[in-house]
Amino acid sequence: MKKILLTLGAILFICISTFAQLGTIDPNFNLGSGFGPDIWTGKCETVKQQQNGKLLVGGSFKTYDDNEALYIIRLNLDGTRDNGFTSPFTEKWGASINHIEVLSDGKILVGGVFLESNDESLPGIIRLNSDGSIDQSFTAPSSVTGVSTFAVQADGKVVLGNLIRLNADGTLDNSFDAGTGISGGTGFGGVRINTMLVQPDGKILIGGHYGSYNGTTSVLITRLNSDGTIDNSFDASANFSTAMDGFYGQVYTMKLLPDGKIMIGGNYGNNNSLAFGVDRLNSDGSLDTSFAITHSFSNIRNYVIDVQSDGKIFVANQNFGAPSEAFVVERYNTDGSLDAIFPKKYVNNDIKDLIIQADGNITFVGYFNYNPTGIMRLIGDTPLSTSVIENTSLQFNIFPNPTNGILNIENIPDNSDLRVIDIFGRTILFQKSAANTFNTLDVSTLIDGTYFLQIDHNGNVSNKKFIVSK
């Protein structure tokens, strides 16, 4: 008899869906008063979900549910505070966390504007242990300040928004050279990188507000080779047109899709309309004309995007000229049409980050003070964990499953690619198969949770689920 294992998140999803309608506020997300101490300082910038389902939230807030919480907190699945995590920050003014990434070993990279911890000055990016304490084995140069965004490579190196790369221990990686970096672009916001991601092939996508990269015309989005040079096989510049006085606008967010296409969002002039805000690009940077959003407003700004496993797209938009409906979470179909099944949710200020949780629910954070302040979760209908589908066209075996450290693999073809993929679709381990049909994979650095082993032999791909439990 086949055994079915339901994670706690899946169980919660089933229970909640029984009693709450799609798109409504999750009644089981108990946030108390939310972030504070008031609406001016209780601002959230970023939210990430760990492999165990818990949520990390960062921003400029100082309290959560009226208790001290300096700039970062971890929440349980029900919204209560996880007391096993303590913020390392002690300075009570002038700091903000702008970006968080959870690593495969459970440690946490945090970027932002920091002053000090226990009277010791901090660079703009630090690494935390799973309990929130500072990992002293990671030390970025003191010259690194004000980190707004970064991306983590498969080898543990970290590319920062100011176009330098750090080794896995935080030291400067001199093999990455961005030359003169970004320049050009006029208007609001200054020359800056707002978003970046690393593709599975190691190439790096950056997006922001600029007109050239290292002296080469490249408008708003650029793809870099792994050494920092521009990848000339990618060109998105033709997609953007000046909106006013040479101002192209800005790209605020990007999401890489499984087929290599790229969802982008922002506030920019493009070939479809003026400052429309959401588009899909082909893998070479050209505009995917099969996608065109339909919206009741013709002038929007998009801060954040996330994509369900069925291809539907969640967006957080700001509608200019519509004060009563200015900040909205809504969902598009795969062709860009508005999904009428999902009810729009309006709030009263900026939404800065949005994620589709592993159980399919939608959590977003920002500057709004709407029941409660800074964070909200809506009932969803498509679990993200199905983004990797279990299939076994290659008849291989894995054992033990669950495993506490070593995963044995047998009956795979020689010279296959072995990838471990987490529930968010990210490749977190990679190795080539040995020249025999039996291989071992060390997964002892992974935190407890559900993963997929992907075997790729000459384009024939099979996925098999396994569980790490220590």
Protein backbone atom coordinates (compact mmCIF):
# COMPACT_ATOMS: atom_id res chain seq x y z
CA MET A 1 0.00 0.00 0.00
CA LYS A 2 1.38 3.40 -0.97
CA LYS A 3 1.92 5.67 2.01
CA ILE A 4 0.93 9.31 1.75
CA LEU A 5 2.88 11.83 3.81
CA LEU A 6 1.23 15.18 4.48
CA THR A 7 3.39 17.99 5.77
CA LEU A 8 2.06 20.27 8.48
CA GLY A 9 1.69 23.00 5.87
CA ALA A 10 -0.43 20.74 3.65
CA ILE A 11 -2.61 19.75 6.59
CA LEU A 12 -3.13 23.38 7.49
CA PHE A 13 -3.97 24.19 3.88
CA ILE A 14 -6.64 21.47 3.74
CA CYS A 15 -8.17 22.53 7.07
CA ILE A 16 -8.17 26.22 6.26
CA SER A 17 -9.58 25.72 2.78
CA THR A 18 -12.53 23.89 4.30
CA PHE A 19 -13.61 26.98 6.22
CA ALA A 20 -12.29 29.96 4.29
CA GLN A 21 -12.85 31.15 0.76
CA LEU A 22 -10.19 31.80 -1.86
CA GLY A 23 -8.56 35.21 -1.50
CA THR A 24 -9.93 35.95 1.97
CA ILE A 25 -7.70 36.82 4.91
CA ASP A 26 -6.46 33.65 6.58
CA PRO A 27 -8.31 33.40 9.93
CA ASN A 28 -5.65 31.07 11.33
CA PHE A 29 -2.81 33.57 10.89
CA ASN A 30 -2.73 35.12 14.36
CA LEU A 31 -0.66 38.30 14.19
CA GLY A 32 -2.00 40.26 17.14
CA SER A 33 -1.32 43.94 16.49
CA GLY A 34 1.32 43.18 13.87
CA PHE A 35 4.45 45.26 13.47
CA GLY A 36 5.15 48.56 15.18
CA PRO A 37 5.48 50.42 17.40
CA ASP A 38 3.37 52.60 15.08
CA ILE A 39 2.38 52.81 11.43
CA TRP A 40 5.35 55.05 10.63
CA THR A 41 8.03 52.68 11.93
CA GLY A 42 6.31 49.30 11.68
CA LYS A 43 7.44 48.83 8.09
CA CYS A 44 8.21 45.43 6.57
CA GLU A 45 10.48 45.11 3.54
CA THR A 46 10.89 41.40 2.90
CA VAL A 47 9.48 37.97 3.74
CA LYS A 48 10.95 34.51 3.06
CA GLN A 49 9.73 31.03 3.91
CA GLN A 50 12.06 28.42 5.34
CA GLN A 51 12.01 24.77 4.29
CA ASN A 52 10.04 23.94 7.47
CA GLY A 53 7.36 26.49 6.56
CA LYS A 54 8.27 29.17 9.09
CA LEU A 55 8.41 32.78 7.89
CA LEU A 56 11.28 35.23 8.24
CA VAL A 57 10.25 38.89 8.08
CA GLY A 58 12.63 41.84 7.89
CA GLY A 59 12.17 45.60 7.86
CA SER A 60 12.53 48.71 9.98
CA PHE A 61 10.05 47.63 12.68
CA LYS A 62 10.94 47.47 16.35
CA THR A 63 8.02 45.50 17.79
CA TYR A 64 5.77 42.59 16.92
CA ASP A 65 2.43 42.26 18.69
CA ASP A 66 3.61 45.00 21.10
CA ASN A 67 6.76 43.10 22.13
CA GLU A 68 10.29 44.09 21.12
CA ALA A 69 11.43 42.65 17.78
CA LEU A 70 14.30 44.58 16.21
CA TYR A 71 14.24 44.48 12.40
CA ILE A 72 13.90 40.70 11.94
CA ILE A 73 11.62 38.01 13.33
CA ARG A 74 10.62 34.43 12.60
CA LEU A 75 6.97 33.43 12.70
CA ASN A 76 5.41 30.01 13.13
CA LEU A 77 2.89 28.74 10.59
CA ASP A 78 0.04 30.18 12.66
CA GLY A 79 1.62 33.65 12.84
CA THR A 80 2.79 33.41 16.42
CA ARG A 81 6.34 34.38 17.24
CA ASP A 82 8.96 31.64 17.07
CA ASN A 83 10.81 32.03 20.35
CA GLY A 84 13.62 29.84 19.06
CA PHE A 85 14.82 32.80 16.98
CA THR A 86 16.19 36.01 18.50
CA SER A 87 17.16 39.14 16.60
CA PRO A 88 20.90 39.85 16.88
CA PHE A 89 20.40 43.61 16.66
CA THR A 90 20.64 45.84 19.72
CA GLU A 91 20.69 49.38 18.27
CA LYS A 92 17.13 50.77 18.38
CA TRP A 93 17.29 53.38 15.65
CA GLY A 94 18.39 53.88 12.07
CA ALA A 95 18.47 50.26 10.89
CA SER A 96 16.48 48.32 8.30
CA ILE A 97 16.60 44.86 6.74
CA ASN A 98 16.00 45.03 2.99
CA HIS A 99 16.62 41.48 1.78
CA ILE A 100 16.75 37.95 3.24
CA GLU A 101 17.83 34.67 1.69
CA VAL A 102 17.56 31.29 3.43
CA LEU A 103 20.47 28.97 2.68
CA SER A 104 20.24 25.20 2.25
CA ASP A 105 21.93 24.56 5.61
CA GLY A 106 19.33 26.67 7.45
CA LYS A 107 21.56 29.70 7.89
CA ILE A 108 20.21 33.10 6.84
CA LEU A 109 21.82 35.88 4.82
CA VAL A 110 20.56 39.34 5.70
CA GLY A 111 21.23 42.56 3.82
CA GLY A 112 20.34 46.11 4.77
CA VAL A 113 21.47 49.14 6.70
CA PHE A 114 22.89 48.14 10.07
CA LEU A 115 24.69 50.06 12.77
CA GLU A 116 25.91 47.65 15.39
CA SER A 117 25.20 44.62 17.53
CA ASN A 118 26.38 44.65 21.13
CA ASP A 119 28.51 47.71 20.38
CA GLU A 120 30.25 46.09 17.40
CA SER A 121 29.82 47.72 14.00
CA LEU A 122 28.35 45.60 11.23
CA PRO A 123 28.75 45.59 7.43
CA GLY A 124 25.66 45.78 5.20
CA ILE A 125 25.37 42.00 4.88
CA ILE A 126 25.68 39.42 7.61
CA ARG A 127 24.94 35.72 8.00
CA LEU A 128 22.83 34.44 10.87
CA ASN A 129 22.68 31.03 12.43
CA SER A 130 19.28 29.35 12.50
CA ASP A 131 18.61 30.78 15.98
CA GLY A 132 19.28 34.38 14.85
CA SER A 133 22.76 34.74 16.31
CA ILE A 134 25.47 36.17 14.05
CA ASP A 135 27.59 33.59 12.23
CA GLN A 136 31.10 34.84 12.89
CA SER A 137 32.54 32.63 10.14
CA PHE A 138 31.05 34.99 7.54
CA THR A 139 32.71 38.43 7.50
CA ALA A 140 31.99 40.89 4.72
CA PRO A 141 34.31 43.86 4.17
CA SER A 142 33.44 46.88 6.30
CA SER A 143 33.21 48.92 3.09
CA VAL A 144 30.03 46.99 2.18
CA THR A 145 27.20 49.16 3.47
CA GLY A 146 23.56 49.71 2.61
CA VAL A 147 22.85 46.42 0.81
CA SER A 148 19.43 46.62 -0.87
CA THR A 149 19.48 43.32 -2.76
CA PHE A 150 21.71 40.31 -3.41
CA ALA A 151 21.61 36.84 -4.95
CA VAL A 152 23.19 33.58 -3.81
CA GLN A 153 24.96 31.28 -6.24
CA ALA A 154 24.86 27.48 -6.05
CA ASP A 155 28.48 27.49 -4.80
CA GLY A 156 27.57 29.78 -1.88
CA LYS A 157 29.07 32.94 -3.34
CA VAL A 158 26.96 36.07 -3.00
CA VAL A 159 26.51 38.74 -5.68
CA LEU A 160 25.57 42.12 -4.18
CA GLY A 161 23.54 44.90 -5.74
CA ASN A 162 26.58 47.16 -5.83
CA LEU A 163 28.09 44.65 -8.27
CA ILE A 164 30.71 42.96 -6.18
CA ARG A 165 30.80 39.28 -5.29
CA LEU A 166 31.66 37.74 -1.95
CA ASN A 167 33.03 34.29 -1.34
CA ALA A 168 31.07 31.90 0.86
CA ASP A 169 32.98 33.20 3.89
CA GLY A 170 32.21 36.85 3.09
CA THR A 171 35.61 37.80 1.71
CA LEU A 172 35.82 39.71 -1.56
CA ASP A 173 35.88 37.58 -4.70
CA ASN A 174 38.25 39.34 -7.07
CA SER A 175 37.39 37.01 -9.97
CA PHE A 176 34.14 38.96 -10.48
CA ASP A 177 34.66 42.21 -12.36
CA ALA A 178 31.76 44.49 -13.33
CA GLY A 179 34.05 47.11 -14.83
CA THR A 180 32.46 50.54 -14.52
CA GLY A 181 29.14 48.92 -13.57
CA ILE A 182 25.82 50.60 -14.31
CA SER A 183 25.33 54.18 -15.41
CA GLY A 184 22.93 56.42 -17.33
CA GLY A 185 19.21 56.74 -16.95
CA THR A 186 17.64 59.98 -15.82
CA GLY A 187 14.72 60.86 -13.64
CA PHE A 188 13.51 59.59 -10.31
CA GLY A 189 15.25 57.03 -8.13
CA GLY A 190 18.88 57.44 -9.12
CA VAL A 191 21.05 54.83 -10.80
CA ARG A 192 20.53 51.62 -8.88
CA ILE A 193 19.92 47.87 -8.98
CA ASN A 194 16.61 46.87 -7.41
CA THR A 195 16.53 43.15 -8.08
CA MET A 196 18.79 40.30 -9.12
CA LEU A 197 18.77 36.53 -9.48
CA VAL A 198 21.12 33.72 -10.46
CA GLN A 199 20.03 31.37 -13.23
CA PRO A 200 20.68 27.60 -12.98
CA ASP A 201 23.50 28.00 -15.54
CA GLY A 202 25.25 30.48 -13.24
CA LYS A 203 24.46 33.58 -15.26
CA ILE A 204 23.22 36.59 -13.30
CA LEU A 205 20.21 38.77 -14.11
CA ILE A 206 20.10 42.31 -12.73
CA GLY A 207 17.29 44.84 -12.99
CA GLY A 208 16.89 48.41 -11.86
CA HIS A 209 17.24 51.97 -13.13
CA TYR A 210 20.10 52.53 -15.57
CA GLY A 211 20.89 52.85 -19.26
CA SER A 212 24.23 51.10 -19.70
CA TYR A 213 26.46 48.42 -18.20
CA ASN A 214 30.24 48.79 -18.30
CA GLY A 215 29.90 51.27 -21.16
CA THR A 216 27.54 49.11 -23.25
CA THR A 217 23.95 50.22 -23.80
CA SER A 218 21.74 48.02 -21.64
CA VAL A 219 18.45 49.44 -20.43
CA LEU A 220 16.94 48.40 -17.07
CA ILE A 221 17.74 44.66 -17.34
CA THR A 222 21.09 42.98 -18.06
CA ARG A 223 22.35 39.41 -17.97
CA LEU A 224 25.89 38.86 -16.82
CA ASN A 225 28.25 35.97 -17.28
CA SER A 226 29.51 34.39 -14.09
CA ASP A 227 32.66 36.56 -14.16
CA GLY A 228 30.68 39.83 -14.30
CA THR A 229 31.06 40.53 -18.02
CA ILE A 230 27.94 41.32 -20.02
CA ASP A 231 26.20 38.41 -21.74
CA ASN A 232 25.61 39.67 -25.25
CA SER A 233 23.23 36.81 -26.08
CA PHE A 234 20.64 38.60 -23.93
CA ASP A 235 19.26 42.02 -24.84
CA ALA A 236 16.12 43.51 -23.27
CA SER A 237 16.83 47.13 -24.18
CA ALA A 238 14.44 47.23 -27.13
CA ASN A 239 11.52 46.53 -24.80
CA PHE A 240 11.75 49.89 -23.06
CA SER A 241 11.00 53.39 -24.28
CA THR A 242 11.45 56.70 -22.53
CA ALA A 243 8.41 57.82 -20.57
CA MET A 244 9.46 61.43 -20.05
CA ASP A 245 12.61 63.52 -20.51
CA GLY A 246 14.81 60.47 -21.07
CA PHE A 247 13.39 58.59 -18.07
CA TYR A 248 12.90 54.89 -18.84
CA GLY A 249 11.48 54.09 -15.41
CA GLN A 250 12.55 51.21 -13.21
CA VAL A 251 12.39 47.44 -13.00
CA TYR A 252 11.66 46.48 -9.40
CA THR A 253 11.24 42.71 -9.54
CA MET A 254 12.03 39.61 -11.60
CA LYS A 255 10.97 35.98 -11.42
CA LEU A 256 12.66 33.22 -13.43
CA LEU A 257 10.18 30.68 -14.82
CA PRO A 258 10.87 26.95 -15.29
CA ASP A 259 11.00 27.34 -19.09
CA GLY A 260 13.67 30.05 -18.86
CA LYS A 261 11.32 32.96 -19.47
CA ILE A 262 11.39 35.90 -17.06
CA MET A 263 8.51 37.75 -15.43
CA ILE A 264 9.37 41.38 -14.73
CA GLY A 265 7.57 44.14 -12.90
CA GLY A 266 8.15 47.81 -12.33
CA ASN A 267 7.21 51.26 -13.52
CA TYR A 268 8.57 51.81 -17.00
CA GLY A 269 7.73 52.83 -20.50
CA ASN A 270 7.60 49.93 -22.93
CA ASN A 271 6.39 48.88 -26.33
CA ASN A 272 2.93 47.94 -25.06
CA SER A 273 1.99 51.13 -23.24
CA LEU A 274 3.25 53.80 -20.90
CA ALA A 275 4.34 52.51 -17.47
CA PHE A 276 2.23 49.38 -17.57
CA GLY A 277 4.34 47.51 -15.07
CA VAL A 278 4.17 43.73 -15.75
CA ASP A 279 5.66 41.81 -18.70
CA ARG A 280 7.10 38.44 -19.63
CA LEU A 281 10.39 38.18 -21.49
CA ASN A 282 11.79 35.32 -23.53
CA SER A 283 15.06 33.78 -22.39
CA ASP A 284 17.01 36.04 -24.78
CA GLY A 285 15.43 39.21 -23.34
CA SER A 286 12.93 39.84 -26.12
CA LEU A 287 9.32 40.58 -25.22
CA ASP A 288 7.02 37.55 -25.06
CA THR A 289 4.09 38.90 -27.08
CA SER A 290 1.86 35.98 -26.05
CA PHE A 291 1.55 37.67 -22.66
CA ALA A 292 -0.27 40.99 -22.31
CA ILE A 293 -1.94 42.03 -19.07
CA THR A 294 -5.48 43.32 -19.05
CA HIS A 295 -6.24 45.74 -16.28
CA SER A 296 -8.83 48.33 -15.43
CA PHE A 297 -6.04 50.91 -15.07
CA SER A 298 -3.54 51.86 -17.76
CA ASN A 299 -0.88 53.28 -15.48
CA ILE A 300 0.47 51.06 -12.74
CA ARG A 301 3.61 50.31 -10.80
CA ASN A 302 4.50 46.77 -9.81
CA TYR A 303 6.81 46.10 -6.87
CA VAL A 304 6.70 42.32 -6.62
CA ILE A 305 5.71 39.16 -8.48
CA ASP A 306 5.43 35.49 -7.60
CA VAL A 307 4.31 32.64 -9.84
CA GLN A 308 2.27 29.57 -8.95
CA SER A 309 3.18 26.08 -10.14
CA ASP A 310 0.29 26.27 -12.65
CA GLY A 311 1.78 29.45 -14.15
CA LYS A 312 -0.69 31.94 -12.71
CA ILE A 313 0.95 35.13 -11.53
CA PHE A 314 0.41 37.02 -8.28
CA VAL A 315 1.26 40.70 -8.37
CA ALA A 316 1.25 43.60 -5.96
CA ASN A 317 0.36 46.70 -7.98
CA GLN A 318 -0.06 50.36 -7.28
CA ASN A 319 -2.69 52.05 -9.43
CA PHE A 320 -1.80 55.69 -9.98
CA GLY A 321 -4.75 58.06 -9.85
CA ALA A 322 -6.97 55.69 -7.87
CA PRO A 323 -6.62 56.65 -4.19
CA SER A 324 -9.31 54.31 -2.88
CA GLU A 325 -7.91 51.35 -4.81
CA ALA A 326 -4.27 52.34 -5.05
CA PHE A 327 -2.55 49.27 -3.57
CA VAL A 328 -3.85 45.91 -4.67
CA VAL A 329 -2.91 42.21 -4.75
CA GLU A 330 -4.39 40.46 -7.76
CA ARG A 331 -3.78 37.41 -9.95
CA TYR A 332 -3.23 37.09 -13.70
CA ASN A 333 -3.74 34.05 -15.90
CA THR A 334 -0.82 32.69 -17.91
CA ASP A 335 -1.74 34.88 -20.91
CA GLY A 336 -1.86 38.05 -18.79
CA SER A 337 -5.62 38.32 -18.47
CA LEU A 338 -6.92 39.20 -15.05
CA ASP A 339 -8.02 36.11 -13.11
CA ALA A 340 -11.59 36.89 -12.07
CA ILE A 341 -11.71 33.81 -9.81
CA PHE A 342 -9.30 35.39 -7.33
CA PRO A 343 -10.82 38.44 -5.58
CA LYS A 344 -8.64 41.54 -5.45
CA LYS A 345 -7.35 42.59 -2.04
CA TYR A 346 -6.80 46.31 -1.41
CA VAL A 347 -4.63 47.84 1.31
CA ASN A 348 -3.74 51.42 2.13
CA ASN A 349 0.00 51.62 1.42
CA ASP A 350 2.91 50.00 -0.41
CA ILE A 351 3.30 46.22 -0.62
CA LYS A 352 7.04 45.51 -0.65
CA ASP A 353 7.28 41.72 -0.89
CA LEU A 354 4.97 38.80 -1.67
CA ILE A 355 5.45 35.03 -1.61
CA ILE A 356 3.34 32.01 -2.46
CA GLN A 357 3.87 29.69 0.47
CA ALA A 358 4.53 25.98 0.08
CA ASP A 359 0.90 25.32 1.12
CA GLY A 360 -0.43 27.65 -1.61
CA ASN A 361 -1.40 30.55 0.64
CA ILE A 362 -0.15 34.05 -0.17
CA THR A 363 1.74 36.16 2.34
CA PHE A 364 2.72 39.76 1.66
CA VAL A 365 4.37 42.51 3.68
CA GLY A 366 4.78 46.25 3.38
CA TYR A 367 3.95 49.65 4.82
CA PHE A 368 0.17 49.21 5.13
CA ASN A 369 -1.74 49.36 8.41
CA TYR A 370 -4.70 47.25 7.56
CA ASN A 371 -5.73 44.69 10.15
CA PRO A 372 -2.96 44.35 11.34
CA THR A 373 0.09 46.43 10.41
CA GLY A 374 2.69 45.32 7.89
CA ILE A 375 1.71 41.73 7.03
CA MET A 376 -1.24 39.76 5.66
CA ARG A 377 -1.91 36.21 4.49
CA LEU A 378 -4.62 35.25 1.98
CA ILE A 379 -6.10 31.84 1.25
CA GLY A 380 -4.68 30.37 -1.97
CA ASP A 381 -5.53 27.34 -4.05
CA THR A 382 -2.36 26.01 -5.71
CA PRO A 383 0.48 24.64 -3.55
CA LEU A 384 3.89 25.79 -4.72
CA SER A 385 5.36 22.41 -3.75
CA THR A 386 3.84 20.87 -6.90
CA SER A 387 6.14 23.02 -9.05
CA VAL A 388 8.37 19.93 -9.25
CA ILE A 389 6.33 16.91 -10.32
CA GLU A 390 7.43 13.45 -9.26
CA ASN A 391 8.06 11.23 -12.28
CA THR A 392 10.35 8.29 -12.94
CA SER A 393 10.87 7.75 -16.67
CA LEU A 394 14.39 6.76 -15.61
CA GLN A 395 13.90 3.76 -13.33
CA PHE A 396 16.33 4.58 -10.51
CA ASN A 397 16.13 3.80 -6.80
CA ILE A 398 16.99 5.98 -3.79
CA PHE A 399 17.47 4.84 -0.18
CA PRO A 400 17.17 5.28 2.72
CA ASN A 401 14.11 7.52 2.47
CA PRO A 402 13.77 9.40 4.82
CA THR A 403 17.51 9.92 5.19
CA ASN A 404 19.52 11.63 7.91
CA GLY A 405 22.62 12.34 5.85
CA ILE A 406 23.55 10.06 2.93
CA LEU A 407 21.23 9.31 0.03
CA ASN A 408 22.13 6.21 -2.00
CA ILE A 409 21.18 6.18 -5.68
CA GLU A 410 21.27 3.13 -7.94
CA ASN A 411 20.45 2.29 -11.56
CA ILE A 412 21.20 5.67 -13.14
CA PRO A 413 23.00 6.10 -16.47
CA ASP A 414 26.64 7.18 -16.51
CA ASN A 415 27.35 10.90 -16.91
CA SER A 416 23.97 12.03 -15.58
CA ASP A 417 23.39 15.35 -13.82
CA LEU A 418 22.19 14.94 -10.22
CA ARG A 419 20.31 17.88 -8.72
CA VAL A 420 18.63 18.31 -5.35
CA ILE A 421 15.67 20.70 -5.64
CA ASP A 422 13.80 22.21 -2.70
CA ILE A 423 10.04 22.81 -2.46
CA PHE A 424 10.47 26.26 -4.00
CA GLY A 425 12.00 24.81 -7.18
CA ARG A 426 15.55 25.95 -6.37
CA THR A 427 18.55 23.77 -7.21
CA ILE A 428 20.54 23.59 -3.99
CA LEU A 429 22.96 20.70 -4.66
CA PHE A 430 24.50 19.51 -7.92
CA GLN A 431 26.98 16.83 -8.94
CA LYS A 432 27.80 14.61 -11.91
CA SER A 433 27.12 10.89 -11.56
CA ALA A 434 30.11 8.63 -11.13
CA ALA A 435 31.12 6.19 -13.85
CA ASN A 436 28.95 3.41 -12.47
CA THR A 437 25.30 2.82 -11.73
CA PHE A 438 25.62 3.36 -7.94
CA ASN A 439 26.12 6.83 -6.48
CA THR A 440 25.89 8.50 -3.09
CA LEU A 441 24.83 12.05 -2.32
CA ASP A 442 25.69 13.83 0.93
CA VAL A 443 22.61 15.77 2.05
CA SER A 444 23.69 16.16 5.67
CA THR A 445 23.94 19.95 5.31
CA LEU A 446 20.26 20.27 4.39
CA ILE A 447 17.68 21.16 7.01
CA ASP A 448 14.80 18.79 7.68
CA GLY A 449 12.15 18.88 4.98
CA THR A 450 10.94 17.52 1.64
CA TYR A 451 13.19 17.63 -1.44
CA PHE A 452 13.34 16.23 -4.96
CA LEU A 453 16.25 14.34 -6.53
CA GLN A 454 16.37 15.15 -10.23
CA ILE A 455 18.27 12.90 -12.64
CA ASP A 456 18.99 14.45 -16.04
CA HIS A 457 20.53 12.18 -18.67
CA ASN A 458 20.84 13.80 -22.09
CA GLY A 459 17.63 15.74 -21.56
CA ASN A 460 15.66 12.78 -20.17
CA VAL A 461 14.62 14.12 -16.77
CA SER A 462 13.17 12.22 -13.81
CA ASN A 463 12.30 13.51 -10.34
CA LYS A 464 11.85 11.51 -7.16
CA LYS A 465 10.81 12.92 -3.78
CA PHE A 466 12.81 12.26 -0.62
CA ILE A 467 12.75 13.50 2.95
CA VAL A 468 15.60 14.67 5.18
CA SER A 469 14.92 13.93 8.84
CA LYS A 470 17.68 14.05 11.46
